[in-house]
């Protein structure tokens, strides 16, 4: 389609080029500049009329006026004259047209990009303004950091901005400062790890892995450590190990996790490379929740009526799960709902169902354990059922910090000193050097050694 359009333009251009060379005489014409000036005056009048009718915004009105006035100023208002043209000059028309056409075609084939759409001038102006404002704000932020070098939040913002601009080396330095001033914030540790991978052109470095593990020790549900460790195995040539790690990560993923898509893609690719059947991606049907109409109705209800509506929806979910119990995601949501309603026994029962029906999901096992022995528990000693769940979690993830702590304490209390020391030493190795709980863990280790 583009070549047909270019062909028509070329033909039209040749005719325009040949006409003044071919014609024998040129008749005097009227003043073209005056005619155009009148057109622009009419356009200004039309714009004023649309503005009075409210058809144009003030910004659009000013821009349109400015553009028309610019064109008026650019006019060369003079009387057009013409002189006779020799009839012999038509002999120059065809060769000249062919030269121009051939040169234009060659230049377009070299530089042209017909598949790239044109960008409106207004958009380019806005982009330039945005870039200038962003550069100004970044310079102000840098000046603020020079005056206040202990502002962790400002360092984090500065690092993220540099990373967005593609200034990876500077972003790494800024992230190092942000991590230092924030007291090893786990989110910043993960972001620095990802930036280091970008700096290494996609290679998962040992330093990045250490940062991800540091973040995971504070937030066990952060999947980045497991994801990038699996990537590191793949890059090292251990495809089978990487595939196993990706499968474990997929099994423990929430059904709506956005990072589950690249995990499943890696599983499919590695399975094909190893000549294994590609596992089907499980489809999970979420439990029904409140509709938009329900939410709108709840907004106009009194507190008591809202509570009744919430209980009604929770009861419907409970009944659905009793009819179709093979839905661990639904049981987990039910456990959370009953926990919000303050019905601890029903919440515990639902979490137990979720953990039983998804025995390899570490997050579900942790939710069940917390329902058994949560922060508000009256006793400082966890019940045996809680410890058993933690032992099961350790069988799924040998470095899960919470499970290491509670199972290690249980082993120490049972007189299994060496087992306790081994577990708690493994936990201690994961903790940052300035973590407040290091002293408590070390104290239990020392007591076990002394006993």
Foldseek 3Di string as FASTA:
>chain_A
DVVVVVVVVLVVVLCVQLVVQQDFFDDFDFFVLVVVLVVLVVVLVVLVVCVVVVNDDPVRSVVVNVVSVVVNVPGDGDGGDTDGHHNVRSVVSVVVSVVVVVVVVVVCVVDNDVVDDDDDPVVVVVVVVVVVVLVVVLVVLVVVCVVVVLPLVSLQVNLVSCVVVVVLVVSLVSLVSSCVSVVNALVSLQVSLVSVCVVVVNARDPSSLLSNLLSCQVPVVPCSNLQVVLVNCVVVVNLVSSLVSLVLSLLQDDPPDPCNVVSLVSNQVSCVVVVHDRDDDDDADDDDDDDPVRVVVLVPDDPVVNVVSLVVRLVVLVVVCVVVVLHLNSLQVSLVSVVVVVNLVSSLVSLVSSCVNSVSHLVSLVSNLCSQPNPPDPDPQGDPVSLVSLVSSCVNPVQRLVSLVNVLVVCVVVLVLVSSLVSLVSNLVSHDPPDPCNVVSVVSNVVSVVD
